[in-house]
Amino acid sequence: MIFAQVKLTSHGRSNLAEFSKAIHDFPEVLECYVLMGSVDFLLRIVAPDVEAYEKFFFEKLSKLPGVQEVQSSMALSEIKRTTELPV
């Protein structure tokens, strides 16, 4: 599992709909969030191995229009996962 923080160029921000549509078409992307702050999107991505993520990164993600920077972090282990809300 990889978490990728994506920053768009200022010109790229005008194409948010195009970026969002492309992300919907990538089965590797399980979740995508629009963020406030220094990055624009947080993606949760799955790949069978590092080579598969590298291929996804170079052939798909980094080629999207307006992508300025991608910072990727690979999860080593899972400590907690829940969908239960504390209400």
PDB file of N, CA and C in Angstrom:
ATOM      1  N   MET A   1       0.843  -1.166   0.000  1.00  0.00           N
ATOM      2  CA  MET A   1       0.000   0.000   0.000  1.00  0.00           C
ATOM      3  C   MET A   1       0.889   1.231   0.000  1.00  0.00           C
ATOM      4  N   ILE A   2       0.536   2.176  -0.843  1.00  0.00           N
ATOM      5  CA  ILE A   2       1.307   3.404  -0.987  1.00  0.00           C
ATOM      6  C   ILE A   2       0.384   4.584  -0.764  1.00  0.00           C
ATOM      7  N   PHE A   3       0.864   5.573  -0.041  1.00  0.00           N
ATOM      8  CA  PHE A   3       0.157   6.835   0.110  1.00  0.00           C
ATOM      9  C   PHE A   3       0.923   7.864  -0.704  1.00  0.00           C
ATOM     10  N   ALA A   4       0.231   8.506  -1.635  1.00  0.00           N
ATOM     11  CA  ALA A   4       0.879   9.490  -2.499  1.00  0.00           C
ATOM     12  C   ALA A   4       0.225  10.848  -2.287  1.00  0.00           C
ATOM     13  N   GLN A   5       1.061  11.840  -2.011  1.00  0.00           N
ATOM     14  CA  GLN A   5       0.595  13.218  -1.907  1.00  0.00           C
ATOM     15  C   GLN A   5       0.900  13.891  -3.227  1.00  0.00           C
ATOM     16  N   VAL A   6      -0.131  14.432  -3.864  1.00  0.00           N
ATOM     17  CA  VAL A   6       0.007  15.006  -5.197  1.00  0.00           C
ATOM     18  C   VAL A   6      -0.209  16.510  -5.126  1.00  0.00           C
ATOM     19  N   LYS A   7       0.753  17.229  -5.683  1.00  0.00           N
ATOM     20  CA  LYS A   7       0.659  18.687  -5.772  1.00  0.00           C
ATOM     21  C   LYS A   7       0.521  19.044  -7.246  1.00  0.00           C
ATOM     22  N   LEU A   8      -0.476  19.872  -7.554  1.00  0.00           N
ATOM     23  CA  LEU A   8      -0.672  20.314  -8.930  1.00  0.00           C
ATOM     24  C   LEU A   8      -0.035  21.680  -9.136  1.00  0.00           C
ATOM     25  N   THR A   9       0.280  21.989 -10.374  1.00  0.00           N
ATOM     26  CA  THR A   9       0.728  23.335 -10.706  1.00  0.00           C
ATOM     27  C   THR A   9      -0.464  24.267 -10.569  1.00  0.00           C
ATOM     28  N   SER A  10      -0.219  25.554 -10.509  1.00  0.00           N
ATOM     29  CA  SER A  10      -1.346  26.486 -10.420  1.00  0.00           C
ATOM     30  C   SER A  10      -2.243  26.332 -11.649  1.00  0.00           C
ATOM     31  N   HIS A  11      -1.659  26.072 -12.797  1.00  0.00           N
ATOM     32  CA  HIS A  11      -2.448  25.827 -14.008  1.00  0.00           C
ATOM     33  C   HIS A  11      -3.213  24.511 -13.874  1.00  0.00           C
ATOM     34  N   GLY A  12      -2.594  23.531 -13.252  1.00  0.00           N
ATOM     35  CA  GLY A  12      -3.229  22.233 -13.070  1.00  0.00           C
ATOM     36  C   GLY A  12      -4.470  22.300 -12.197  1.00  0.00           C
ATOM     37  N   ARG A  13      -4.489  23.244 -11.250  1.00  0.00           N
ATOM     38  CA  ARG A  13      -5.654  23.372 -10.365  1.00  0.00           C
ATOM     39  C   ARG A  13      -6.914  23.725 -11.141  1.00  0.00           C
ATOM     40  N   SER A  14      -6.757  24.361 -12.300  1.00  0.00           N
ATOM     41  CA  SER A  14      -7.940  24.682 -13.105  1.00  0.00           C
ATOM     42  C   SER A  14      -8.503  23.435 -13.772  1.00  0.00           C
ATOM     43  N   ASN A  15      -7.747  22.341 -13.739  1.00  0.00           N
ATOM     44  CA  ASN A  15      -8.193  21.085 -14.344  1.00  0.00           C
ATOM     45  C   ASN A  15      -8.505  20.028 -13.289  1.00  0.00           C
ATOM     46  N   LEU A  16      -9.040  20.446 -12.145  1.00  0.00           N
ATOM     47  CA  LEU A  16      -9.333  19.502 -11.068  1.00  0.00           C
ATOM     48  C   LEU A  16     -10.283  18.401 -11.529  1.00  0.00           C
ATOM     49  N   ALA A  17     -11.269  18.764 -12.327  1.00  0.00           N
ATOM     50  CA  ALA A  17     -12.237  17.768 -12.803  1.00  0.00           C
ATOM     51  C   ALA A  17     -11.553  16.724 -13.681  1.00  0.00           C
ATOM     52  N   GLU A  18     -10.640  17.164 -14.532  1.00  0.00           N
ATOM     53  CA  GLU A  18      -9.914  16.238 -15.406  1.00  0.00           C
ATOM     54  C   GLU A  18      -9.035  15.294 -14.585  1.00  0.00           C
ATOM     55  N   PHE A  19      -8.355  15.837 -13.587  1.00  0.00           N
ATOM     56  CA  PHE A  19      -7.522  15.015 -12.715  1.00  0.00           C
ATOM     57  C   PHE A  19      -8.395  14.001 -11.971  1.00  0.00           C
ATOM     58  N   SER A  20      -9.505  14.474 -11.417  1.00  0.00           N
ATOM     59  CA  SER A  20     -10.405  13.591 -10.670  1.00  0.00           C
ATOM     60  C   SER A  20     -10.955  12.479 -11.543  1.00  0.00           C
ATOM     61  N   LYS A  21     -11.318  12.779 -12.764  1.00  0.00           N
ATOM     62  CA  LYS A  21     -11.835  11.757 -13.691  1.00  0.00           C
ATOM     63  C   LYS A  21     -10.766  10.708 -13.958  1.00  0.00           C
ATOM     64  N   ALA A  22      -9.543  11.143 -14.207  1.00  0.00           N
ATOM     65  CA  ALA A  22      -8.450  10.203 -14.482  1.00  0.00           C
ATOM     66  C   ALA A  22      -8.207   9.288 -13.289  1.00  0.00           C
ATOM     67  N   ILE A  23      -8.255   9.839 -12.086  1.00  0.00           N
ATOM     68  CA  ILE A  23      -8.027   9.045 -10.882  1.00  0.00           C
ATOM     69  C   ILE A  23      -9.110   7.976 -10.743  1.00  0.00           C
ATOM     70  N   HIS A  24     -10.352   8.336 -11.076  1.00  0.00           N
ATOM     71  CA  HIS A  24     -11.452   7.356 -11.027  1.00  0.00           C
ATOM     72  C   HIS A  24     -11.190   6.168 -11.949  1.00  0.00           C
ATOM     73  N   ASP A  25     -10.474   6.399 -13.036  1.00  0.00           N
ATOM     74  CA  ASP A  25     -10.230   5.345 -14.025  1.00  0.00           C
ATOM     75  C   ASP A  25      -9.035   4.453 -13.684  1.00  0.00           C
ATOM     76  N   PHE A  26      -8.310   4.762 -12.618  1.00  0.00           N
ATOM     77  CA  PHE A  26      -7.147   3.968 -12.223  1.00  0.00           C
ATOM     78  C   PHE A  26      -7.552   2.977 -11.134  1.00  0.00           C
ATOM     79  N   PRO A  27      -7.622   1.686 -11.437  1.00  0.00           N
ATOM     80  CA  PRO A  27      -8.024   0.718 -10.409  1.00  0.00           C
ATOM     81  C   PRO A  27      -7.026   0.618  -9.256  1.00  0.00           C
ATOM     82  N   GLU A  28      -5.794   1.044  -9.467  1.00  0.00           N
ATOM     83  CA  GLU A  28      -4.777   1.003  -8.407  1.00  0.00           C
ATOM     84  C   GLU A  28      -5.099   1.981  -7.270  1.00  0.00           C
ATOM     85  N   VAL A  29      -5.855   3.036  -7.584  1.00  0.00           N
ATOM     86  CA  VAL A  29      -6.190   4.056  -6.587  1.00  0.00           C
ATOM     87  C   VAL A  29      -7.470   3.642  -5.873  1.00  0.00           C
ATOM     88  N   LEU A  30      -7.345   3.319  -4.590  1.00  0.00           N
ATOM     89  CA  LEU A  30      -8.497   2.897  -3.797  1.00  0.00           C
ATOM     90  C   LEU A  30      -9.244   4.074  -3.203  1.00  0.00           C
ATOM     91  N   GLU A  31      -8.509   5.126  -2.833  1.00  0.00           N
ATOM     92  CA  GLU A  31      -9.115   6.311  -2.224  1.00  0.00           C
ATOM     93  C   GLU A  31      -8.384   7.549  -2.719  1.00  0.00           C
ATOM     94  N   CYS A  32      -9.138   8.642  -2.816  1.00  0.00           N
ATOM     95  CA  CYS A  32      -8.559   9.925  -3.218  1.00  0.00           C
ATOM     96  C   CYS A  32      -9.266  11.022  -2.436  1.00  0.00           C
ATOM     97  N   TYR A  33      -8.477  11.876  -1.806  1.00  0.00           N
ATOM     98  CA  TYR A  33      -9.012  12.973  -1.006  1.00  0.00           C
ATOM     99  C   TYR A  33      -8.434  14.287  -1.497  1.00  0.00           C
ATOM    100  N   VAL A  34      -9.266  15.335  -1.548  1.00  0.00           N
ATOM    101  CA  VAL A  34      -8.805  16.693  -1.813  1.00  0.00           C
ATOM    102  C   VAL A  34      -8.402  17.278  -0.469  1.00  0.00           C
ATOM    103  N   LEU A  35      -7.213  17.869  -0.397  1.00  0.00           N
ATOM    104  CA  LEU A  35      -6.686  18.384   0.859  1.00  0.00           C
ATOM    105  C   LEU A  35      -6.551  19.892   0.848  1.00  0.00           C
ATOM    106  N   MET A  36      -6.527  20.462   2.030  1.00  0.00           N
ATOM    107  CA  MET A  36      -6.142  21.855   2.208  1.00  0.00           C
ATOM    108  C   MET A  36      -4.687  21.832   2.648  1.00  0.00           C
ATOM    109  N   GLY A  37      -3.926  22.821   2.233  1.00  0.00           N
ATOM    110  CA  GLY A  37      -2.532  22.882   2.666  1.00  0.00           C
ATOM    111  C   GLY A  37      -1.576  22.864   1.500  1.00  0.00           C
ATOM    112  N   SER A  38      -0.393  22.320   1.736  1.00  0.00           N
ATOM    113  CA  SER A  38       0.678  22.397   0.737  1.00  0.00           C
ATOM    114  C   SER A  38       0.540  21.390  -0.398  1.00  0.00           C
ATOM    115  N   VAL A  39      -0.299  20.363  -0.232  1.00  0.00           N
ATOM    116  CA  VAL A  39      -0.556  19.407  -1.313  1.00  0.00           C
ATOM    117  C   VAL A  39      -2.042  19.417  -1.627  1.00  0.00           C
ATOM    118  N   ASP A  40      -2.387  18.966  -2.814  1.00  0.00           N
ATOM    119  CA  ASP A  40      -3.770  19.050  -3.275  1.00  0.00           C
ATOM    120  C   ASP A  40      -4.570  17.762  -3.081  1.00  0.00           C
ATOM    121  N   PHE A  41      -3.912  16.608  -3.198  1.00  0.00           N
ATOM    122  CA  PHE A  41      -4.609  15.325  -3.110  1.00  0.00           C
ATOM    123  C   PHE A  41      -3.796  14.339  -2.280  1.00  0.00           C
ATOM    124  N   LEU A  42      -4.510  13.440  -1.611  1.00  0.00           N
ATOM    125  CA  LEU A  42      -3.903  12.292  -0.957  1.00  0.00           C
ATOM    126  C   LEU A  42      -4.529  11.055  -1.580  1.00  0.00           C
ATOM    127  N   LEU A  43      -3.687  10.167  -2.111  1.00  0.00           N
ATOM    128  CA  LEU A  43      -4.159   8.946  -2.749  1.00  0.00           C
ATOM    129  C   LEU A  43      -3.710   7.740  -1.942  1.00  0.00           C
ATOM    130  N   ARG A  44      -4.596   6.766  -1.824  1.00  0.00           N
ATOM    131  CA  ARG A  44      -4.211   5.463  -1.262  1.00  0.00           C
ATOM    132  C   ARG A  44      -4.193   4.503  -2.437  1.00  0.00           C
ATOM    133  N   ILE A  45      -3.030   3.934  -2.691  1.00  0.00           N
ATOM    134  CA  ILE A  45      -2.785   3.135  -3.885  1.00  0.00           C
ATOM    135  C   ILE A  45      -2.330   1.745  -3.462  1.00  0.00           C
ATOM    136  N   VAL A  46      -2.748   0.736  -4.213  1.00  0.00           N
ATOM    137  CA  VAL A  46      -2.236  -0.613  -3.979  1.00  0.00           C
ATOM    138  C   VAL A  46      -1.508  -1.089  -5.222  1.00  0.00           C
ATOM    139  N   ALA A  47      -0.440  -1.816  -4.973  1.00  0.00           N
ATOM    140  CA  ALA A  47       0.355  -2.420  -6.050  1.00  0.00           C
ATOM    141  C   ALA A  47       0.957  -3.700  -5.486  1.00  0.00           C
ATOM    142  N   PRO A  48       1.124  -4.717  -6.332  1.00  0.00           N
ATOM    143  CA  PRO A  48       1.665  -5.979  -5.833  1.00  0.00           C
ATOM    144  C   PRO A  48       3.111  -5.886  -5.355  1.00  0.00           C
ATOM    145  N   ASP A  49       3.869  -4.927  -5.899  1.00  0.00           N
ATOM    146  CA  ASP A  49       5.263  -4.769  -5.495  1.00  0.00           C
ATOM    147  C   ASP A  49       5.758  -3.395  -5.924  1.00  0.00           C
ATOM    148  N   VAL A  50       6.989  -3.095  -5.560  1.00  0.00           N
ATOM    149  CA  VAL A  50       7.572  -1.780  -5.854  1.00  0.00           C
ATOM    150  C   VAL A  50       7.669  -1.546  -7.362  1.00  0.00           C
ATOM    151  N   GLU A  51       8.006  -2.571  -8.101  1.00  0.00           N
ATOM    152  CA  GLU A  51       8.128  -2.431  -9.565  1.00  0.00           C
ATOM    153  C   GLU A  51       6.786  -2.068 -10.189  1.00  0.00           C
ATOM    154  N   ALA A  52       5.707  -2.660  -9.693  1.00  0.00           N
ATOM    155  CA  ALA A  52       4.372  -2.349 -10.216  1.00  0.00           C
ATOM    156  C   ALA A  52       3.990  -0.904  -9.891  1.00  0.00           C
ATOM    157  N   TYR A  53       4.331  -0.441  -8.679  1.00  0.00           N
ATOM    158  CA  TYR A  53       4.054   0.952  -8.353  1.00  0.00           C
ATOM    159  C   TYR A  53       4.890   1.887  -9.214  1.00  0.00           C
ATOM    160  N   GLU A  54       6.143   1.539  -9.425  1.00  0.00           N
ATOM    161  CA  GLU A  54       7.008   2.357 -10.268  1.00  0.00           C
ATOM    162  C   GLU A  54       6.410   2.497 -11.675  1.00  0.00           C
ATOM    163  N   LYS A  55       5.913   1.407 -12.219  1.00  0.00           N
ATOM    164  CA  LYS A  55       5.278   1.439 -13.546  1.00  0.00           C
ATOM    165  C   LYS A  55       4.032   2.327 -13.526  1.00  0.00           C
ATOM    166  N   PHE A  56       3.182   2.164 -12.500  1.00  0.00           N
ATOM    167  CA  PHE A  56       1.990   2.999 -12.357  1.00  0.00           C
ATOM    168  C   PHE A  56       2.383   4.472 -12.260  1.00  0.00           C
ATOM    169  N   PHE A  57       3.399   4.764 -11.449  1.00  0.00           N
ATOM    170  CA  PHE A  57       3.841   6.143 -11.254  1.00  0.00           C
ATOM    171  C   PHE A  57       4.314   6.767 -12.564  1.00  0.00           C
ATOM    172  N   PHE A  58       5.224   6.086 -13.271  1.00  0.00           N
ATOM    173  CA  PHE A  58       5.815   6.672 -14.472  1.00  0.00           C
ATOM    174  C   PHE A  58       4.889   6.649 -15.681  1.00  0.00           C
ATOM    175  N   GLU A  59       4.036   5.636 -15.785  1.00  0.00           N
ATOM    176  CA  GLU A  59       3.189   5.514 -16.974  1.00  0.00           C
ATOM    177  C   GLU A  59       1.815   6.157 -16.834  1.00  0.00           C
ATOM    178  N   LYS A  60       1.367   6.377 -15.588  1.00  0.00           N
ATOM    179  CA  LYS A  60       0.020   6.940 -15.407  1.00  0.00           C
ATOM    180  C   LYS A  60       0.017   8.207 -14.562  1.00  0.00           C
ATOM    181  N   LEU A  61       0.345   8.071 -13.277  1.00  0.00           N
ATOM    182  CA  LEU A  61       0.174   9.172 -12.337  1.00  0.00           C
ATOM    183  C   LEU A  61       0.983  10.408 -12.710  1.00  0.00           C
ATOM    184  N   SER A  62       2.255  10.246 -12.982  1.00  0.00           N
ATOM    185  CA  SER A  62       3.105  11.411 -13.265  1.00  0.00           C
ATOM    186  C   SER A  62       2.806  12.045 -14.618  1.00  0.00           C
ATOM    187  N   LYS A  63       2.069  11.338 -15.477  1.00  0.00           N
ATOM    188  CA  LYS A  63       1.736  11.878 -16.801  1.00  0.00           C
ATOM    189  C   LYS A  63       0.433  12.678 -16.828  1.00  0.00           C
ATOM    190  N   LEU A  64      -0.285  12.701 -15.713  1.00  0.00           N
ATOM    191  CA  LEU A  64      -1.531  13.462 -15.689  1.00  0.00           C
ATOM    192  C   LEU A  64      -1.236  14.947 -15.834  1.00  0.00           C
ATOM    193  N   PRO A  65      -2.071  15.660 -16.581  1.00  0.00           N
ATOM    194  CA  PRO A  65      -1.818  17.090 -16.781  1.00  0.00           C
ATOM    195  C   PRO A  65      -1.888  17.864 -15.474  1.00  0.00           C
ATOM    196  N   GLY A  66      -0.924  18.752 -15.305  1.00  0.00           N
ATOM    197  CA  GLY A  66      -0.910  19.624 -14.138  1.00  0.00           C
ATOM    198  C   GLY A  66      -0.210  19.064 -12.921  1.00  0.00           C
ATOM    199  N   VAL A  67       0.247  17.814 -12.966  1.00  0.00           N
ATOM    200  CA  VAL A  67       0.936  17.247 -11.809  1.00  0.00           C
ATOM    201  C   VAL A  67       2.323  17.868 -11.710  1.00  0.00           C
ATOM    202  N   GLN A  68       2.570  18.536 -10.611  1.00  0.00           N
ATOM    203  CA  GLN A  68       3.857  19.184 -10.389  1.00  0.00           C
ATOM    204  C   GLN A  68       4.780  18.289  -9.570  1.00  0.00           C
ATOM    205  N   GLU A  69       4.209  17.636  -8.530  1.00  0.00           N
ATOM    206  CA  GLU A  69       5.038  16.871  -7.607  1.00  0.00           C
ATOM    207  C   GLU A  69       4.217  15.746  -6.994  1.00  0.00           C
ATOM    208  N   VAL A  70       4.872  14.608  -6.788  1.00  0.00           N
ATOM    209  CA  VAL A  70       4.249  13.478  -6.100  1.00  0.00           C
ATOM    210  C   VAL A  70       5.231  12.987  -5.046  1.00  0.00           C
ATOM    211  N   GLN A  71       4.765  12.921  -3.804  1.00  0.00           N
ATOM    212  CA  GLN A  71       5.569  12.364  -2.719  1.00  0.00           C
ATOM    213  C   GLN A  71       4.903  11.065  -2.295  1.00  0.00           C
ATOM    214  N   SER A  72       5.629   9.976  -2.415  1.00  0.00           N
ATOM    215  CA  SER A  72       5.077   8.658  -2.122  1.00  0.00           C
ATOM    216  C   SER A  72       5.687   8.083  -0.857  1.00  0.00           C
ATOM    217  N   SER A  73       4.830   7.439  -0.061  1.00  0.00           N
ATOM    218  CA  SER A  73       5.265   6.732   1.141  1.00  0.00           C
ATOM    219  C   SER A  73       4.656   5.342   1.104  1.00  0.00           C
ATOM    220  N   MET A  74       5.486   4.339   1.287  1.00  0.00           N
ATOM    221  CA  MET A  74       5.000   2.963   1.282  1.00  0.00           C
ATOM    222  C   MET A  74       4.736   2.511   2.715  1.00  0.00           C
ATOM    223  N   ALA A  75       3.561   1.933   2.938  1.00  0.00           N
ATOM    224  CA  ALA A  75       3.215   1.409   4.257  1.00  0.00           C
ATOM    225  C   ALA A  75       3.981   0.109   4.493  1.00  0.00           C
ATOM    226  N   LEU A  76       4.635   0.011   5.640  1.00  0.00           N
ATOM    227  CA  LEU A  76       5.363  -1.203   5.995  1.00  0.00           C
ATOM    228  C   LEU A  76       4.471  -2.207   6.714  1.00  0.00           C
ATOM    229  N   SER A  77       3.607  -1.692   7.597  1.00  0.00           N
ATOM    230  CA  SER A  77       2.674  -2.570   8.303  1.00  0.00           C
ATOM    231  C   SER A  77       1.462  -1.746   8.703  1.00  0.00           C
ATOM    232  N   GLU A  78       0.388  -2.445   9.013  1.00  0.00           N
ATOM    233  CA  GLU A  78      -0.849  -1.784   9.409  1.00  0.00           C
ATOM    234  C   GLU A  78      -1.020  -1.931  10.909  1.00  0.00           C
ATOM    235  N   ILE A  79      -1.212  -0.832  11.601  1.00  0.00           N
ATOM    236  CA  ILE A  79      -1.378  -0.829  13.041  1.00  0.00           C
ATOM    237  C   ILE A  79      -2.859  -0.860  13.411  1.00  0.00           C
ATOM    238  N   LYS A  80      -3.667  -0.084  12.684  1.00  0.00           N
ATOM    239  CA  LYS A  80      -5.097  -0.024  12.979  1.00  0.00           C
ATOM    240  C   LYS A  80      -5.852   0.345  11.715  1.00  0.00           C
ATOM    241  N   ARG A  81      -6.997  -0.331  11.511  1.00  0.00           N
ATOM    242  CA  ARG A  81      -7.907   0.032  10.429  1.00  0.00           C
ATOM    243  C   ARG A  81      -9.317  -0.243  10.923  1.00  0.00           C
ATOM    244  N   THR A  82     -10.175   0.741  10.776  1.00  0.00           N
ATOM    245  CA  THR A  82     -11.573   0.567  11.160  1.00  0.00           C
ATOM    246  C   THR A  82     -12.456   1.469  10.322  1.00  0.00           C
ATOM    247  N   THR A  83     -13.684   1.095  10.191  1.00  0.00           N
ATOM    248  CA  THR A  83     -14.677   1.955   9.541  1.00  0.00           C
ATOM    249  C   THR A  83     -15.744   2.357  10.563  1.00  0.00           C
ATOM    250  N   GLU A  84     -15.568   1.899  11.813  1.00  0.00           N
ATOM    251  CA  GLU A  84     -16.511   2.223  12.875  1.00  0.00           C
ATOM    252  C   GLU A  84     -16.340   3.679  13.289  1.00  0.00           C
ATOM    253  N   LEU A  85     -17.457   4.405  13.358  1.00  0.00           N
ATOM    254  CA  LEU A  85     -17.412   5.797  13.777  1.00  0.00           C
ATOM    255  C   LEU A  85     -17.618   5.893  15.287  1.00  0.00           C
ATOM    256  N   PRO A  86     -16.889   6.792  15.952  1.00  0.00           N
ATOM    257  CA  PRO A  86     -16.987   6.899  17.420  1.00  0.00           C
ATOM    258  C   PRO A  86     -18.193   7.734  17.862  1.00  0.00           C
ATOM    259  N   VAL A  87     -19.388   7.350  17.444  1.00  0.00           N
ATOM    260  CA  VAL A  87     -20.594   8.090  17.826  1.00  0.00           C
ATOM    261  C   VAL A  87     -21.569   7.193  18.545  1.00  0.00           C
TER     262      VAL A  87
END
